[in-house]
Amino acid sequence: MTTPNHRSHGGADVTSGGSGASNLTLRIASAAVLAPIVLAITYVGGWPFLVLCALGAVGIFWEWARLTGTARAGDLAPGLAALLAALAFTGLHHPGAGTVSLAIGAGLAAVTAGGATPGARLWAAVGVVYAGIAFISPAVLRQDPLWGLTALWFLFATVWTTDIFAFLGGRAIGGPLLWPQVSPKKTWVGAIAGLAGGVAAGVVVAYASGIGRLGMAGIMALLLSVLAQAGDLFESAVKRRFGAKDASRLIPGHGGLMDRLDGFLVAAFAALLIGIVRQGTAAPGAGLLLW
C-alpha cells in the first residue's frame, strides 16, 4: 500500500502558508458557486431535487468504487441500477420500495464484484449502501409536504456550519489531535468549535421557522453535528485504508463529492431515521423538528 497523503480540509487543518491560503480560496469559491445552486433546487423540490440527490449519489458511488478498486463495469452495474430504481420509486412516493432496491443492489454487487482488491465483494456492497444513503435520506426528508424544506434547511445549516467552524477552529488554534491514527490533522479544538457552530446554526433556523422547543432543536443539532464529524472521520479512515488523499478532484478545494458530503450523508440518514420513528415516512421532517 502506498503512503497516504491526507487531505488538508476539515476540522483538523493545522497547517499554514501559501498552499493553505490557496486551498481556502478554492474552497470559498467552490462553495460560493455550488451552495446557491443546491439551495435553489432544494427550495424547488420535487423531481429536480430528486435528480440532484441521485446525481450526487451516483458521483459518490463512482468515487467509492474507484477508491476501493471495484470500478469495473460489472461491479458498477448493480449499484447504478439500484440507484436508478430508488430514484424512480422514491419519486413515485414509494421510498420503501426504493430502499429495498438499494438492498438488492448491494447484494448483487457483493455477488458480482471481482478485481484484485482484498475484500472487494464487501467494499462493493458497502459502496451501494453508502451511495444509497446519500440519495434516500435527503430525498425522503424533502417529501414531507409541511416540514420537509425546513428539515433540509436545518440539516444544511447544522452540517455546513459544523464544517466551517471546525475548519476555522482547527486552522486558527490547532491543539491536540482528535484521532491521529485516522486523520492526523483534525484537532479537538476544531471538533468543539464545529459542535458549537452547528448547534447555534440549527437553533437559529429553528427559531426563524417558528419552532417552539428550541432546547430540543439544539439537542437535535448537537446530535447531527457529532454524527457529521463522525461521518467525516469514517471517510478519512476509508481513504487512509486505500492510501488516498481525496476521493477525486471534482470540486476545487474540497476534493470529491465524498469529501464534501461525507458528514452530511451520515447526519441526513440519522435525521431521516429519527423523523420516521416519530412520524413515519409521510412526515419525517415533522418527526425531526417538532417535539
Protein backbone atom coordinates (compact mmCIF):
# COMPACT_ATOMS: atom_id res chain seq x y z
CA MET A 1 0.00 0.00 0.00
CA THR A 2 1.21 3.47 -0.79
CA THR A 3 1.74 6.06 1.90
CA PRO A 4 -1.45 8.05 2.43
CA ASN A 5 -1.48 11.72 1.57
CA HIS A 6 -4.13 13.10 3.84
CA ARG A 7 -6.46 15.88 2.88
CA SER A 8 -5.93 19.32 4.35
CA HIS A 9 -9.54 20.33 4.96
CA GLY A 10 -11.97 19.79 7.78
CA GLY A 11 -11.78 20.36 11.49
CA ALA A 12 -8.13 19.49 11.65
CA ASP A 13 -6.32 21.76 9.32
CA VAL A 14 -3.47 22.98 11.48
CA THR A 15 -1.22 23.81 8.55
CA SER A 16 -0.50 27.30 7.31
CA GLY A 17 1.30 29.06 4.50
CA GLY A 18 0.71 29.79 0.86
CA SER A 19 -0.72 26.40 -0.11
CA GLY A 20 -3.20 26.56 2.77
CA ALA A 21 -4.32 30.05 1.75
CA SER A 22 -4.73 28.90 -1.85
CA ASN A 23 -6.79 25.89 -0.77
CA LEU A 24 -9.01 28.10 1.39
CA THR A 25 -9.61 30.43 -1.57
CA LEU A 26 -10.64 27.46 -3.73
CA ARG A 27 -12.97 26.20 -1.01
CA ILE A 28 -14.69 29.56 -0.72
CA ALA A 29 -15.01 29.95 -4.48
CA SER A 30 -16.45 26.45 -4.90
CA ALA A 31 -18.93 26.97 -2.07
CA ALA A 32 -19.98 30.33 -3.50
CA VAL A 33 -20.87 28.66 -6.79
CA LEU A 34 -22.36 25.37 -5.57
CA ALA A 35 -24.27 26.40 -2.43
CA PRO A 36 -26.77 28.74 -4.16
CA ILE A 37 -27.48 26.07 -6.79
CA VAL A 38 -28.11 23.42 -4.15
CA LEU A 39 -30.29 25.75 -2.07
CA ALA A 40 -32.34 26.83 -5.08
CA ILE A 41 -33.02 23.25 -6.21
CA THR A 42 -33.82 22.25 -2.62
CA TYR A 43 -36.37 25.05 -2.48
CA VAL A 44 -37.97 23.89 -5.74
CA GLY A 45 -38.14 20.30 -4.50
CA GLY A 46 -39.93 17.59 -6.49
CA TRP A 47 -38.16 15.79 -9.31
CA PRO A 48 -35.42 18.44 -9.73
CA PHE A 49 -34.33 17.83 -6.14
CA LEU A 50 -34.60 14.05 -6.52
CA VAL A 51 -32.43 14.18 -9.64
CA LEU A 52 -29.88 16.36 -7.81
CA CYS A 53 -29.73 13.82 -4.97
CA ALA A 54 -29.43 10.95 -7.45
CA LEU A 55 -26.60 12.64 -9.35
CA GLY A 56 -24.76 13.20 -6.08
CA ALA A 57 -25.26 9.57 -5.12
CA VAL A 58 -24.00 8.33 -8.48
CA GLY A 59 -20.91 10.53 -8.11
CA ILE A 60 -20.28 9.19 -4.62
CA PHE A 61 -20.77 5.62 -5.85
CA TRP A 62 -18.24 6.13 -8.65
CA GLU A 63 -15.70 7.69 -6.27
CA TRP A 64 -16.16 4.86 -3.78
CA ALA A 65 -15.70 2.23 -6.49
CA ARG A 66 -12.63 3.99 -7.86
CA LEU A 67 -11.16 4.34 -4.37
CA THR A 68 -11.78 0.73 -3.32
CA GLY A 69 -10.83 -0.93 -6.60
CA THR A 70 -14.35 -2.07 -7.54
CA ALA A 71 -14.84 0.17 -10.56
CA ARG A 72 -15.10 -2.47 -13.28
CA ALA A 73 -18.23 -2.26 -15.42
CA GLY A 74 -19.58 -5.48 -13.88
CA ASP A 75 -19.03 -4.12 -10.39
CA LEU A 76 -20.79 -0.83 -11.11
CA ALA A 77 -23.87 -2.13 -12.93
CA PRO A 78 -25.87 -3.46 -9.90
CA GLY A 79 -25.27 -0.30 -7.90
CA LEU A 80 -26.19 2.05 -10.71
CA ALA A 81 -29.34 0.05 -11.46
CA ALA A 82 -30.28 0.13 -7.77
CA LEU A 83 -29.82 3.91 -7.58
CA LEU A 84 -31.94 4.39 -10.70
CA ALA A 85 -34.69 2.19 -9.25
CA ALA A 86 -34.51 4.06 -5.93
CA LEU A 87 -34.90 7.35 -7.82
CA ALA A 88 -37.98 6.07 -9.66
CA PHE A 89 -39.67 4.52 -6.63
CA THR A 90 -38.96 7.49 -4.36
CA GLY A 91 -40.19 9.92 -7.00
CA LEU A 92 -43.44 7.95 -7.11
CA HIS A 93 -43.65 8.20 -3.29
CA HIS A 94 -42.68 4.58 -2.59
CA PRO A 95 -39.48 5.09 -0.56
CA GLY A 96 -39.79 1.64 0.98
CA ALA A 97 -39.52 0.04 -2.45
CA GLY A 98 -36.59 2.33 -3.19
CA THR A 99 -34.84 1.14 -0.05
CA VAL A 100 -35.46 -2.49 -1.00
CA SER A 101 -33.96 -1.78 -4.43
CA LEU A 102 -30.80 -0.50 -2.78
CA ALA A 103 -30.58 -3.57 -0.57
CA ILE A 104 -30.94 -5.84 -3.59
CA GLY A 105 -28.34 -3.81 -5.46
CA ALA A 106 -25.89 -4.18 -2.58
CA GLY A 107 -26.42 -7.94 -2.55
CA LEU A 108 -25.89 -8.21 -6.30
CA ALA A 109 -22.80 -6.04 -6.08
CA ALA A 110 -21.34 -8.41 -3.50
CA VAL A 111 -22.00 -11.36 -5.81
CA THR A 112 -20.61 -9.82 -8.99
CA ALA A 113 -17.64 -7.88 -7.58
CA GLY A 114 -14.16 -9.01 -8.51
CA GLY A 115 -10.79 -7.44 -9.02
CA ALA A 116 -7.58 -7.68 -7.09
CA THR A 117 -8.65 -5.70 -4.03
CA PRO A 118 -8.90 -7.89 -0.90
CA GLY A 119 -12.47 -7.93 0.33
CA ALA A 120 -13.73 -6.48 -2.96
CA ARG A 121 -17.17 -8.03 -2.55
CA LEU A 122 -17.74 -6.36 0.81
CA TRP A 123 -16.41 -3.00 -0.39
CA ALA A 124 -18.66 -3.13 -3.45
CA ALA A 125 -21.75 -3.87 -1.36
CA VAL A 126 -20.95 -1.14 1.18
CA GLY A 127 -20.48 1.31 -1.69
CA VAL A 128 -24.06 0.76 -2.86
CA VAL A 129 -25.36 1.27 0.68
CA TYR A 130 -23.21 4.36 1.21
CA ALA A 131 -24.34 5.98 -2.04
CA GLY A 132 -27.93 4.88 -1.43
CA ILE A 133 -27.97 6.62 1.94
CA ALA A 134 -26.69 9.77 0.24
CA PHE A 135 -29.76 9.66 -2.03
CA ILE A 136 -32.60 8.28 0.04
CA SER A 137 -32.10 10.38 3.18
CA PRO A 138 -32.46 13.94 1.80
CA ALA A 139 -34.92 12.76 -0.86
CA VAL A 140 -37.42 11.34 1.63
CA LEU A 141 -36.97 14.18 4.11
CA ARG A 142 -37.78 16.72 1.41
CA GLN A 143 -41.01 14.91 0.52
CA ASP A 144 -42.60 15.85 3.83
CA PRO A 145 -45.15 18.38 2.47
CA LEU A 146 -45.18 20.63 5.54
CA TRP A 147 -41.78 20.37 7.18
CA GLY A 148 -39.54 18.79 4.57
CA LEU A 149 -38.00 22.02 3.34
CA THR A 150 -37.42 23.31 6.86
CA ALA A 151 -35.81 19.99 7.83
CA LEU A 152 -33.35 20.37 4.96
CA TRP A 153 -32.60 23.99 5.92
CA PHE A 154 -31.98 22.79 9.48
CA LEU A 155 -29.74 19.99 8.25
CA PHE A 156 -27.78 22.19 5.86
CA ALA A 157 -27.25 24.88 8.46
CA THR A 158 -26.11 22.44 11.13
CA VAL A 159 -23.76 20.37 8.97
CA TRP A 160 -22.31 23.19 6.88
CA THR A 161 -21.67 25.38 9.91
CA THR A 162 -20.12 22.45 11.74
CA ASP A 163 -17.71 22.00 8.84
CA ILE A 164 -16.88 25.70 8.58
CA PHE A 165 -16.31 26.23 12.31
CA ALA A 166 -14.31 23.01 12.60
CA PHE A 167 -12.08 24.12 9.74
CA LEU A 168 -11.58 27.62 11.13
CA GLY A 169 -11.10 26.46 14.72
CA GLY A 170 -8.54 23.83 13.80
CA ARG A 171 -6.74 26.20 11.46
CA ALA A 172 -6.61 29.18 13.80
CA ILE A 173 -5.87 27.46 17.10
CA GLY A 174 -4.66 23.92 16.43
CA GLY A 175 -4.02 21.95 19.61
CA PRO A 176 -4.20 18.22 20.43
CA LEU A 177 -5.21 15.91 17.61
CA LEU A 178 -8.66 14.34 17.66
CA TRP A 179 -7.76 10.92 16.21
CA PRO A 180 -4.28 10.93 14.67
CA GLN A 181 -4.44 7.28 13.57
CA VAL A 182 -7.30 8.16 11.23
CA SER A 183 -6.83 11.84 10.43
CA PRO A 184 -3.57 13.42 11.59
CA LYS A 185 -4.77 17.00 11.09
CA LYS A 186 -8.12 17.08 12.91
CA THR A 187 -7.99 18.67 16.34
CA TRP A 188 -10.16 18.64 19.43
CA VAL A 189 -10.44 22.43 19.21
CA GLY A 190 -11.77 22.12 15.67
CA ALA A 191 -14.27 19.45 16.71
CA ILE A 192 -15.58 21.52 19.64
CA ALA A 193 -15.77 24.66 17.51
CA GLY A 194 -17.72 22.68 14.93
CA LEU A 195 -20.18 21.47 17.55
CA ALA A 196 -20.71 24.97 18.90
CA GLY A 197 -21.25 26.44 15.45
CA GLY A 198 -23.52 23.62 14.31
CA VAL A 199 -25.77 23.86 17.37
CA ALA A 200 -26.01 27.64 17.08
CA ALA A 201 -26.91 27.45 13.39
CA GLY A 202 -29.53 24.76 13.97
CA VAL A 203 -31.17 26.75 16.76
CA VAL A 204 -31.24 29.88 14.60
CA VAL A 205 -33.03 28.02 11.81
CA ALA A 206 -35.48 26.52 14.30
CA TYR A 207 -36.22 29.93 15.82
CA ALA A 208 -36.66 31.54 12.39
CA SER A 209 -39.05 28.72 11.43
CA GLY A 210 -41.28 29.25 14.46
CA ILE A 211 -40.34 26.03 16.21
CA GLY A 212 -41.14 26.48 19.87
CA ARG A 213 -38.98 23.95 21.69
CA LEU A 214 -35.56 25.37 20.92
CA GLY A 215 -33.92 23.19 23.54
CA MET A 216 -34.88 20.05 21.61
CA ALA A 217 -33.80 21.70 18.38
CA GLY A 218 -30.42 22.32 19.99
CA ILE A 219 -30.18 18.68 21.08
CA MET A 220 -31.01 17.51 17.55
CA ALA A 221 -28.43 19.89 16.11
CA LEU A 222 -25.84 18.64 18.59
CA LEU A 223 -26.52 15.03 17.65
CA LEU A 224 -26.37 15.77 13.92
CA SER A 225 -23.17 17.78 14.36
CA VAL A 226 -21.49 14.91 16.19
CA LEU A 227 -22.61 12.44 13.52
CA ALA A 228 -21.46 14.73 10.72
CA GLN A 229 -17.97 14.77 12.19
CA ALA A 230 -18.11 11.01 12.68
CA GLY A 231 -19.01 10.64 9.01
CA ASP A 232 -16.03 12.78 8.11
CA LEU A 233 -13.75 10.53 10.19
CA PHE A 234 -15.24 7.40 8.62
CA GLU A 235 -14.41 8.63 5.14
CA SER A 236 -10.92 9.61 6.29
CA ALA A 237 -10.44 6.07 7.59
CA VAL A 238 -11.53 4.57 4.27
CA LYS A 239 -9.19 6.85 2.33
CA ARG A 240 -6.36 6.02 4.73
CA ARG A 241 -7.04 2.32 4.19
CA PHE A 242 -6.54 2.77 0.44
CA GLY A 243 -3.76 5.36 0.61
CA ALA A 244 -5.70 8.22 -0.97
CA LYS A 245 -5.63 11.96 -0.32
CA ASP A 246 -9.04 12.76 -1.81
CA ALA A 247 -11.88 10.72 -3.23
CA SER A 248 -11.49 12.63 -6.50
CA ARG A 249 -10.70 16.15 -7.70
CA LEU A 250 -14.20 17.00 -8.83
CA ILE A 251 -14.66 20.04 -6.57
CA PRO A 252 -11.73 22.50 -6.41
CA GLY A 253 -10.51 22.95 -2.84
CA HIS A 254 -12.72 20.16 -1.50
CA GLY A 255 -11.68 17.04 -3.40
CA GLY A 256 -14.60 14.86 -4.42
CA LEU A 257 -18.26 14.52 -3.59
CA MET A 258 -17.42 12.04 -0.85
CA ASP A 259 -15.07 14.59 0.68
CA ARG A 260 -17.80 17.25 0.58
CA LEU A 261 -20.78 15.09 1.60
CA ASP A 262 -19.25 12.56 4.00
CA GLY A 263 -20.62 14.25 7.11
CA PHE A 264 -23.87 15.36 5.52
CA LEU A 265 -24.98 11.90 4.41
CA VAL A 266 -24.47 10.39 7.87
CA ALA A 267 -26.30 13.27 9.55
CA ALA A 268 -29.10 13.15 6.97
CA PHE A 269 -29.55 9.42 7.49
CA ALA A 270 -29.82 9.91 11.25
CA ALA A 271 -32.27 12.78 10.75
CA LEU A 272 -34.42 10.59 8.49
CA LEU A 273 -34.43 7.70 10.96
CA ILE A 274 -35.46 9.98 13.82
CA GLY A 275 -38.19 11.51 11.71
CA ILE A 276 -39.54 8.15 10.54
CA VAL A 277 -39.53 6.64 14.03
CA ARG A 278 -41.54 9.58 15.36
CA GLN A 279 -43.87 10.44 12.45
CA GLY A 280 -43.46 7.79 9.74
CA THR A 281 -42.31 8.14 6.14
CA ALA A 282 -45.08 10.62 5.31
CA ALA A 283 -43.80 13.32 7.72
CA PRO A 284 -40.15 12.68 8.67
CA GLY A 285 -39.39 16.41 8.71
CA ALA A 286 -42.02 16.96 11.37
CA GLY A 287 -40.68 13.98 13.29
CA LEU A 288 -37.23 15.53 13.34
CA LEU A 289 -38.23 19.08 14.25
CA LEU A 290 -41.48 19.03 16.27
CA TRP A 291 -41.23 17.73 19.83
